[in-house]
Amino acid sequence: MAARIKKIKHDENTRLKIQAAQLINRLTSHANGEVEMSPTQVRAIEILLRKILPDLSDVKMEVDAQPITFQLDLTGKRKDKESE
């Protein structure tokens, strides 16, 4: 195969995404029984993925919700439009 004339230069973010995808593929292969890995290798991949991918526990969700108020009529009298 001929060498590329125009070299592709990936930025750091793209390189991290490629590395994360390779690690995820390796773990998927291990989970499917295609590749044998030691517990140390699995733990090392877990540590690397935590450095590359954001953890969902780190995501802070801010919601501006208005309180809901209910008015309950406990007198037993029903207000129907038909009875008026």
PDB file of N, CA and C in Angstrom:
ATOM      1  N   MET A   1       0.842  -1.164   0.000  1.00  0.00           N
ATOM      2  CA  MET A   1       0.000   0.000   0.000  1.00  0.00           C
ATOM      3  C   MET A   1       0.896   1.238   0.000  1.00  0.00           C
ATOM      4  N   ALA A   2       0.500   2.194  -0.775  1.00  0.00           N
ATOM      5  CA  ALA A   2       1.288   3.421  -0.883  1.00  0.00           C
ATOM      6  C   ALA A   2       1.092   4.283   0.360  1.00  0.00           C
ATOM      7  N   ALA A   3       2.102   5.050   0.685  1.00  0.00           N
ATOM      8  CA  ALA A   3       2.027   5.951   1.834  1.00  0.00           C
ATOM      9  C   ALA A   3       1.127   7.129   1.487  1.00  0.00           C
ATOM     10  N   ARG A   4       0.535   7.685   2.500  1.00  0.00           N
ATOM     11  CA  ARG A   4      -0.317   8.852   2.288  1.00  0.00           C
ATOM     12  C   ARG A   4       0.526  10.049   1.906  1.00  0.00           C
ATOM     13  N   ILE A   5       0.020  10.799   0.967  1.00  0.00           N
ATOM     14  CA  ILE A   5       0.709  12.013   0.568  1.00  0.00           C
ATOM     15  C   ILE A   5       0.442  13.112   1.594  1.00  0.00           C
ATOM     16  N   LYS A   6      -0.829  13.236   1.963  1.00  0.00           N
ATOM     17  CA  LYS A   6      -1.205  14.247   2.951  1.00  0.00           C
ATOM     18  C   LYS A   6      -1.397  13.555   4.301  1.00  0.00           C
ATOM     19  N   LYS A   7      -0.530  13.846   5.242  1.00  0.00           N
ATOM     20  CA  LYS A   7      -0.591  13.229   6.564  1.00  0.00           C
ATOM     21  C   LYS A   7      -1.748  13.819   7.361  1.00  0.00           C
ATOM     22  N   ILE A   8      -2.467  12.955   8.078  1.00  0.00           N
ATOM     23  CA  ILE A   8      -3.570  13.402   8.919  1.00  0.00           C
ATOM     24  C   ILE A   8      -3.011  13.688  10.306  1.00  0.00           C
ATOM     25  N   LYS A   9      -3.260  14.871  10.798  1.00  0.00           N
ATOM     26  CA  LYS A   9      -2.830  15.265  12.143  1.00  0.00           C
ATOM     27  C   LYS A   9      -4.074  15.375  13.023  1.00  0.00           C
ATOM     28  N   HIS A  10      -4.190  14.483  13.982  1.00  0.00           N
ATOM     29  CA  HIS A  10      -5.319  14.514  14.908  1.00  0.00           C
ATOM     30  C   HIS A  10      -4.976  15.392  16.100  1.00  0.00           C
ATOM     31  N   ASP A  11      -5.985  16.119  16.578  1.00  0.00           N
ATOM     32  CA  ASP A  11      -5.760  16.897  17.791  1.00  0.00           C
ATOM     33  C   ASP A  11      -5.819  15.958  19.002  1.00  0.00           C
ATOM     34  N   GLU A  12      -5.487  16.482  20.155  1.00  0.00           N
ATOM     35  CA  GLU A  12      -5.395  15.661  21.365  1.00  0.00           C
ATOM     36  C   GLU A  12      -6.738  15.034  21.725  1.00  0.00           C
ATOM     37  N   ASN A  13      -7.823  15.765  21.541  1.00  0.00           N
ATOM     38  CA  ASN A  13      -9.149  15.250  21.862  1.00  0.00           C
ATOM     39  C   ASN A  13      -9.494  14.051  20.984  1.00  0.00           C
ATOM     40  N   THR A  14      -9.167  14.118  19.706  1.00  0.00           N
ATOM     41  CA  THR A  14      -9.434  13.019  18.792  1.00  0.00           C
ATOM     42  C   THR A  14      -8.598  11.798  19.161  1.00  0.00           C
ATOM     43  N   ARG A  15      -7.349  12.007  19.527  1.00  0.00           N
ATOM     44  CA  ARG A  15      -6.494  10.896  19.938  1.00  0.00           C
ATOM     45  C   ARG A  15      -7.052  10.189  21.171  1.00  0.00           C
ATOM     46  N   LEU A  16      -7.553  10.965  22.128  1.00  0.00           N
ATOM     47  CA  LEU A  16      -8.132  10.378  23.333  1.00  0.00           C
ATOM     48  C   LEU A  16      -9.378   9.561  23.004  1.00  0.00           C
ATOM     49  N   LYS A  17     -10.196  10.060  22.072  1.00  0.00           N
ATOM     50  CA  LYS A  17     -11.395   9.313  21.680  1.00  0.00           C
ATOM     51  C   LYS A  17     -11.033   8.000  21.005  1.00  0.00           C
ATOM     52  N   ILE A  18      -9.996   8.011  20.173  1.00  0.00           N
ATOM     53  CA  ILE A  18      -9.550   6.788  19.500  1.00  0.00           C
ATOM     54  C   ILE A  18      -9.023   5.799  20.529  1.00  0.00           C
ATOM     55  N   GLN A  19      -8.233   6.265  21.492  1.00  0.00           N
ATOM     56  CA  GLN A  19      -7.707   5.388  22.531  1.00  0.00           C
ATOM     57  C   GLN A  19      -8.834   4.797  23.369  1.00  0.00           C
ATOM     58  N   ALA A  20      -9.827   5.628  23.707  1.00  0.00           N
ATOM     59  CA  ALA A  20     -10.964   5.138  24.489  1.00  0.00           C
ATOM     60  C   ALA A  20     -11.727   4.075  23.709  1.00  0.00           C
ATOM     61  N   ALA A  21     -11.912   4.289  22.411  1.00  0.00           N
ATOM     62  CA  ALA A  21     -12.624   3.313  21.583  1.00  0.00           C
ATOM     63  C   ALA A  21     -11.860   1.991  21.533  1.00  0.00           C
ATOM     64  N   GLN A  22     -10.549   2.051  21.446  1.00  0.00           N
ATOM     65  CA  GLN A  22      -9.747   0.825  21.425  1.00  0.00           C
ATOM     66  C   GLN A  22      -9.851   0.068  22.751  1.00  0.00           C
ATOM     67  N   LEU A  23      -9.834   0.797  23.862  1.00  0.00           N
ATOM     68  CA  LEU A  23      -9.959   0.161  25.168  1.00  0.00           C
ATOM     69  C   LEU A  23     -11.342  -0.469  25.342  1.00  0.00           C
ATOM     70  N   ILE A  24     -12.370   0.237  24.897  1.00  0.00           N
ATOM     71  CA  ILE A  24     -13.738  -0.286  24.995  1.00  0.00           C
ATOM     72  C   ILE A  24     -13.893  -1.530  24.128  1.00  0.00           C
ATOM     73  N   ASN A  25     -13.314  -1.512  22.921  1.00  0.00           N
ATOM     74  CA  ASN A  25     -13.378  -2.684  22.048  1.00  0.00           C
ATOM     75  C   ASN A  25     -12.683  -3.882  22.699  1.00  0.00           C
ATOM     76  N   ARG A  26     -11.571  -3.632  23.357  1.00  0.00           N
ATOM     77  CA  ARG A  26     -10.826  -4.710  24.027  1.00  0.00           C
ATOM     78  C   ARG A  26     -11.655  -5.298  25.165  1.00  0.00           C
ATOM     79  N   LEU A  27     -12.300  -4.441  25.960  1.00  0.00           N
ATOM     80  CA  LEU A  27     -13.145  -4.935  27.051  1.00  0.00           C
ATOM     81  C   LEU A  27     -14.366  -5.679  26.520  1.00  0.00           C
ATOM     82  N   THR A  28     -14.931  -5.197  25.422  1.00  0.00           N
ATOM     83  CA  THR A  28     -16.076  -5.880  24.809  1.00  0.00           C
ATOM     84  C   THR A  28     -15.678  -7.269  24.326  1.00  0.00           C
ATOM     85  N   SER A  29     -14.514  -7.373  23.711  1.00  0.00           N
ATOM     86  CA  SER A  29     -14.021  -8.678  23.258  1.00  0.00           C
ATOM     87  C   SER A  29     -13.806  -9.613  24.448  1.00  0.00           C
ATOM     88  N   HIS A  30     -13.311  -9.074  25.540  1.00  0.00           N
ATOM     89  CA  HIS A  30     -13.107  -9.874  26.751  1.00  0.00           C
ATOM     90  C   HIS A  30     -14.452 -10.344  27.312  1.00  0.00           C
ATOM     91  N   ALA A  31     -15.439  -9.444  27.342  1.00  0.00           N
ATOM     92  CA  ALA A  31     -16.762  -9.804  27.857  1.00  0.00           C
ATOM     93  C   ALA A  31     -17.435 -10.853  26.975  1.00  0.00           C
ATOM     94  N   ASN A  32     -17.185 -10.824  25.679  1.00  0.00           N
ATOM     95  CA  ASN A  32     -17.757 -11.806  24.757  1.00  0.00           C
ATOM     96  C   ASN A  32     -16.980 -13.112  24.731  1.00  0.00           C
ATOM     97  N   GLY A  33     -15.887 -13.197  25.464  1.00  0.00           N
ATOM     98  CA  GLY A  33     -15.101 -14.419  25.523  1.00  0.00           C
ATOM     99  C   GLY A  33     -14.138 -14.595  24.363  1.00  0.00           C
ATOM    100  N   GLU A  34     -13.932 -13.563  23.567  1.00  0.00           N
ATOM    101  CA  GLU A  34     -13.042 -13.638  22.410  1.00  0.00           C
ATOM    102  C   GLU A  34     -11.579 -13.444  22.804  1.00  0.00           C
ATOM    103  N   VAL A  35     -11.329 -12.685  23.869  1.00  0.00           N
ATOM    104  CA  VAL A  35      -9.972 -12.359  24.309  1.00  0.00           C
ATOM    105  C   VAL A  35      -9.884 -12.666  25.800  1.00  0.00           C
ATOM    106  N   GLU A  36      -8.794 -13.291  26.206  1.00  0.00           N
ATOM    107  CA  GLU A  36      -8.565 -13.569  27.621  1.00  0.00           C
ATOM    108  C   GLU A  36      -7.717 -12.448  28.213  1.00  0.00           C
ATOM    109  N   MET A  37      -8.170 -11.896  29.333  1.00  0.00           N
ATOM    110  CA  MET A  37      -7.436 -10.819  29.996  1.00  0.00           C
ATOM    111  C   MET A  37      -7.342 -11.135  31.483  1.00  0.00           C
ATOM    112  N   SER A  38      -6.254 -10.704  32.086  1.00  0.00           N
ATOM    113  CA  SER A  38      -6.087 -10.888  33.524  1.00  0.00           C
ATOM    114  C   SER A  38      -6.869  -9.801  34.262  1.00  0.00           C
ATOM    115  N   PRO A  39      -7.186 -10.017  35.514  1.00  0.00           N
ATOM    116  CA  PRO A  39      -7.865  -8.981  36.295  1.00  0.00           C
ATOM    117  C   PRO A  39      -7.066  -7.677  36.355  1.00  0.00           C
ATOM    118  N   THR A  40      -5.748  -7.785  36.340  1.00  0.00           N
ATOM    119  CA  THR A  40      -4.903  -6.585  36.359  1.00  0.00           C
ATOM    120  C   THR A  40      -5.083  -5.783  35.077  1.00  0.00           C
ATOM    121  N   GLN A  41      -5.181  -6.460  33.941  1.00  0.00           N
ATOM    122  CA  GLN A  41      -5.384  -5.754  32.676  1.00  0.00           C
ATOM    123  C   GLN A  41      -6.747  -5.069  32.643  1.00  0.00           C
ATOM    124  N   VAL A  42      -7.771  -5.760  33.135  1.00  0.00           N
ATOM    125  CA  VAL A  42      -9.116  -5.167  33.174  1.00  0.00           C
ATOM    126  C   VAL A  42      -9.122  -3.936  34.075  1.00  0.00           C
ATOM    127  N   ARG A  43      -8.480  -4.031  35.217  1.00  0.00           N
ATOM    128  CA  ARG A  43      -8.417  -2.892  36.148  1.00  0.00           C
ATOM    129  C   ARG A  43      -7.648  -1.719  35.541  1.00  0.00           C
ATOM    130  N   ALA A  44      -6.571  -2.013  34.817  1.00  0.00           N
ATOM    131  CA  ALA A  44      -5.786  -0.952  34.187  1.00  0.00           C
ATOM    132  C   ALA A  44      -6.625  -0.222  33.134  1.00  0.00           C
ATOM    133  N   ILE A  45      -7.393  -0.982  32.359  1.00  0.00           N
ATOM    134  CA  ILE A  45      -8.266  -0.349  31.353  1.00  0.00           C
ATOM    135  C   ILE A  45      -9.328   0.492  32.043  1.00  0.00           C
ATOM    136  N   GLU A  46      -9.870   0.002  33.143  1.00  0.00           N
ATOM    137  CA  GLU A  46     -10.875   0.766  33.891  1.00  0.00           C
ATOM    138  C   GLU A  46     -10.302   2.100  34.373  1.00  0.00           C
ATOM    139  N   ILE A  47      -9.099   2.075  34.885  1.00  0.00           N
ATOM    140  CA  ILE A  47      -8.451   3.300  35.364  1.00  0.00           C
ATOM    141  C   ILE A  47      -8.213   4.271  34.211  1.00  0.00           C
ATOM    142  N   LEU A  48      -7.734   3.766  33.082  1.00  0.00           N
ATOM    143  CA  LEU A  48      -7.498   4.632  31.925  1.00  0.00           C
ATOM    144  C   LEU A  48      -8.788   5.235  31.399  1.00  0.00           C
ATOM    145  N   LEU A  49      -9.857   4.433  31.346  1.00  0.00           N
ATOM    146  CA  LEU A  49     -11.133   4.963  30.854  1.00  0.00           C
ATOM    147  C   LEU A  49     -11.682   6.051  31.772  1.00  0.00           C
ATOM    148  N   ARG A  50     -11.459   5.900  33.072  1.00  0.00           N
ATOM    149  CA  ARG A  50     -11.924   6.942  33.999  1.00  0.00           C
ATOM    150  C   ARG A  50     -11.185   8.258  33.787  1.00  0.00           C
ATOM    151  N   LYS A  51      -9.967   8.176  33.304  1.00  0.00           N
ATOM    152  CA  LYS A  51      -9.204   9.398  33.020  1.00  0.00           C
ATOM    153  C   LYS A  51      -9.654  10.030  31.704  1.00  0.00           C
ATOM    154  N   ILE A  52     -10.090   9.191  30.757  1.00  0.00           N
ATOM    155  CA  ILE A  52     -10.437   9.682  29.421  1.00  0.00           C
ATOM    156  C   ILE A  52     -11.900  10.125  29.343  1.00  0.00           C
ATOM    157  N   LEU A  53     -12.809   9.265  29.825  1.00  0.00           N
ATOM    158  CA  LEU A  53     -14.244   9.524  29.700  1.00  0.00           C
ATOM    159  C   LEU A  53     -14.782  10.149  30.974  1.00  0.00           C
ATOM    160  N   PRO A  54     -15.748  11.047  30.852  1.00  0.00           N
ATOM    161  CA  PRO A  54     -16.332  11.636  32.057  1.00  0.00           C
ATOM    162  C   PRO A  54     -17.187  10.606  32.784  1.00  0.00           C
ATOM    163  N   ASP A  55     -17.123  10.633  34.084  1.00  0.00           N
ATOM    164  CA  ASP A  55     -17.916   9.742  34.908  1.00  0.00           C
ATOM    165  C   ASP A  55     -19.294  10.368  35.091  1.00  0.00           C
ATOM    166  N   LEU A  56     -20.343   9.566  35.016  1.00  0.00           N
ATOM    167  CA  LEU A  56     -21.693  10.116  35.130  1.00  0.00           C
ATOM    168  C   LEU A  56     -21.955  10.701  36.505  1.00  0.00           C
ATOM    169  N   SER A  57     -21.253  10.255  37.520  1.00  0.00           N
ATOM    170  CA  SER A  57     -21.448  10.816  38.850  1.00  0.00           C
ATOM    171  C   SER A  57     -20.891  12.233  38.941  1.00  0.00           C
ATOM    172  N   ASP A  58     -20.024  12.618  38.008  1.00  0.00           N
ATOM    173  CA  ASP A  58     -19.457  13.957  38.013  1.00  0.00           C
ATOM    174  C   ASP A  58     -20.368  14.984  37.356  1.00  0.00           C
ATOM    175  N   VAL A  59     -21.404  14.524  36.677  1.00  0.00           N
ATOM    176  CA  VAL A  59     -22.300  15.427  35.965  1.00  0.00           C
ATOM    177  C   VAL A  59     -23.280  16.018  36.970  1.00  0.00           C
ATOM    178  N   LYS A  60     -23.321  17.332  37.037  1.00  0.00           N
ATOM    179  CA  LYS A  60     -24.222  18.008  37.957  1.00  0.00           C
ATOM    180  C   LYS A  60     -25.393  18.558  37.155  1.00  0.00           C
ATOM    181  N   MET A  61     -26.573  18.205  37.579  1.00  0.00           N
ATOM    182  CA  MET A  61     -27.758  18.638  36.868  1.00  0.00           C
ATOM    183  C   MET A  61     -28.448  19.731  37.673  1.00  0.00           C
ATOM    184  N   GLU A  62     -28.664  20.861  37.043  1.00  0.00           N
ATOM    185  CA  GLU A  62     -29.344  21.963  37.699  1.00  0.00           C
ATOM    186  C   GLU A  62     -30.683  22.180  37.022  1.00  0.00           C
ATOM    187  N   VAL A  63     -31.735  22.125  37.819  1.00  0.00           N
ATOM    188  CA  VAL A  63     -33.080  22.273  37.292  1.00  0.00           C
ATOM    189  C   VAL A  63     -33.749  23.422  38.026  1.00  0.00           C
ATOM    190  N   ASP A  64     -34.283  24.346  37.277  1.00  0.00           N
ATOM    191  CA  ASP A  64     -35.050  25.447  37.857  1.00  0.00           C
ATOM    192  C   ASP A  64     -36.528  25.109  37.728  1.00  0.00           C
ATOM    193  N   ALA A  65     -37.060  24.484  38.755  1.00  0.00           N
ATOM    194  CA  ALA A  65     -38.456  24.068  38.727  1.00  0.00           C
ATOM    195  C   ALA A  65     -39.268  24.962  39.652  1.00  0.00           C
ATOM    196  N   GLN A  66     -40.453  25.280  39.221  1.00  0.00           N
ATOM    197  CA  GLN A  66     -41.373  26.069  40.036  1.00  0.00           C
ATOM    198  C   GLN A  66     -42.191  25.111  40.901  1.00  0.00           C
ATOM    199  N   PRO A  67     -42.475  25.486  42.136  1.00  0.00           N
ATOM    200  CA  PRO A  67     -43.275  24.604  42.986  1.00  0.00           C
ATOM    201  C   PRO A  67     -44.711  24.513  42.471  1.00  0.00           C
ATOM    202  N   ILE A  68     -45.323  23.369  42.684  1.00  0.00           N
ATOM    203  CA  ILE A  68     -46.706  23.140  42.267  1.00  0.00           C
ATOM    204  C   ILE A  68     -47.578  23.205  43.511  1.00  0.00           C
ATOM    205  N   THR A  69     -48.659  23.976  43.435  1.00  0.00           N
ATOM    206  CA  THR A  69     -49.583  24.070  44.553  1.00  0.00           C
ATOM    207  C   THR A  69     -50.943  23.524  44.123  1.00  0.00           C
ATOM    208  N   PHE A  70     -51.543  22.785  45.028  1.00  0.00           N
ATOM    209  CA  PHE A  70     -52.866  22.219  44.796  1.00  0.00           C
ATOM    210  C   PHE A  70     -53.823  22.823  45.804  1.00  0.00           C
ATOM    211  N   GLN A  71     -55.059  23.030  45.368  1.00  0.00           N
ATOM    212  CA  GLN A  71     -56.100  23.496  46.271  1.00  0.00           C
ATOM    213  C   GLN A  71     -57.130  22.380  46.391  1.00  0.00           C
ATOM    214  N   LEU A  72     -57.206  21.808  47.569  1.00  0.00           N
ATOM    215  CA  LEU A  72     -58.126  20.716  47.805  1.00  0.00           C
ATOM    216  C   LEU A  72     -59.332  21.223  48.567  1.00  0.00           C
ATOM    217  N   ASP A  73     -60.487  20.855  48.083  1.00  0.00           N
ATOM    218  CA  ASP A  73     -61.733  21.208  48.767  1.00  0.00           C
ATOM    219  C   ASP A  73     -62.232  19.944  49.451  1.00  0.00           C
ATOM    220  N   LEU A  74     -62.125  19.896  50.756  1.00  0.00           N
ATOM    221  CA  LEU A  74     -62.501  18.714  51.511  1.00  0.00           C
ATOM    222  C   LEU A  74     -63.874  18.839  52.150  1.00  0.00           C
ATOM    223  N   THR A  75     -64.680  19.793  51.708  1.00  0.00           N
ATOM    224  CA  THR A  75     -66.018  19.976  52.282  1.00  0.00           C
ATOM    225  C   THR A  75     -67.009  18.959  51.746  1.00  0.00           C
ATOM    226  N   GLY A  76     -66.680  18.304  50.659  1.00  0.00           N
ATOM    227  CA  GLY A  76     -67.592  17.308  50.095  1.00  0.00           C
ATOM    228  C   GLY A  76     -68.533  17.893  49.067  1.00  0.00           C
ATOM    229  N   LYS A  77     -68.568  19.195  48.942  1.00  0.00           N
ATOM    230  CA  LYS A  77     -69.438  19.834  47.957  1.00  0.00           C
ATOM    231  C   LYS A  77     -68.718  19.857  46.626  1.00  0.00           C
ATOM    232  N   ARG A  78     -69.421  19.436  45.613  1.00  0.00           N
ATOM    233  CA  ARG A  78     -68.832  19.363  44.305  1.00  0.00           C
ATOM    234  C   ARG A  78     -69.265  20.566  43.492  1.00  0.00           C
ATOM    235  N   LYS A  79     -68.311  21.171  42.817  1.00  0.00           N
ATOM    236  CA  LYS A  79     -68.620  22.346  42.013  1.00  0.00           C
ATOM    237  C   LYS A  79     -68.653  21.920  40.552  1.00  0.00           C
ATOM    238  N   ASP A  80     -69.828  21.637  40.071  1.00  0.00           N
ATOM    239  CA  ASP A  80     -70.017  21.293  38.660  1.00  0.00           C
ATOM    240  C   ASP A  80     -70.605  22.472  37.947  1.00  0.00           C
ATOM    241  N   LYS A  81     -70.261  22.626  36.723  1.00  0.00           N
ATOM    242  CA  LYS A  81     -70.827  23.712  35.922  1.00  0.00           C
ATOM    243  C   LYS A  81     -72.294  23.470  35.627  1.00  0.00           C
ATOM    244  N   GLU A  82     -72.714  22.190  35.605  1.00  0.00           N
ATOM    245  CA  GLU A  82     -74.099  21.866  35.304  1.00  0.00           C
ATOM    246  C   GLU A  82     -75.034  22.265  36.428  1.00  0.00           C
ATOM    247  N   SER A  83     -74.554  22.217  37.679  1.00  0.00           N
ATOM    248  CA  SER A  83     -75.420  22.529  38.820  1.00  0.00           C
ATOM    249  C   SER A  83     -75.581  24.015  39.046  1.00  0.00           C
ATOM    250  N   GLU A  84     -74.837  24.832  38.383  1.00  0.00           N
ATOM    251  CA  GLU A  84     -74.920  26.285  38.587  1.00  0.00           C
ATOM    252  C   GLU A  84     -76.001  26.903  37.783  1.00  0.00           C
TER     253      GLU A  84
END
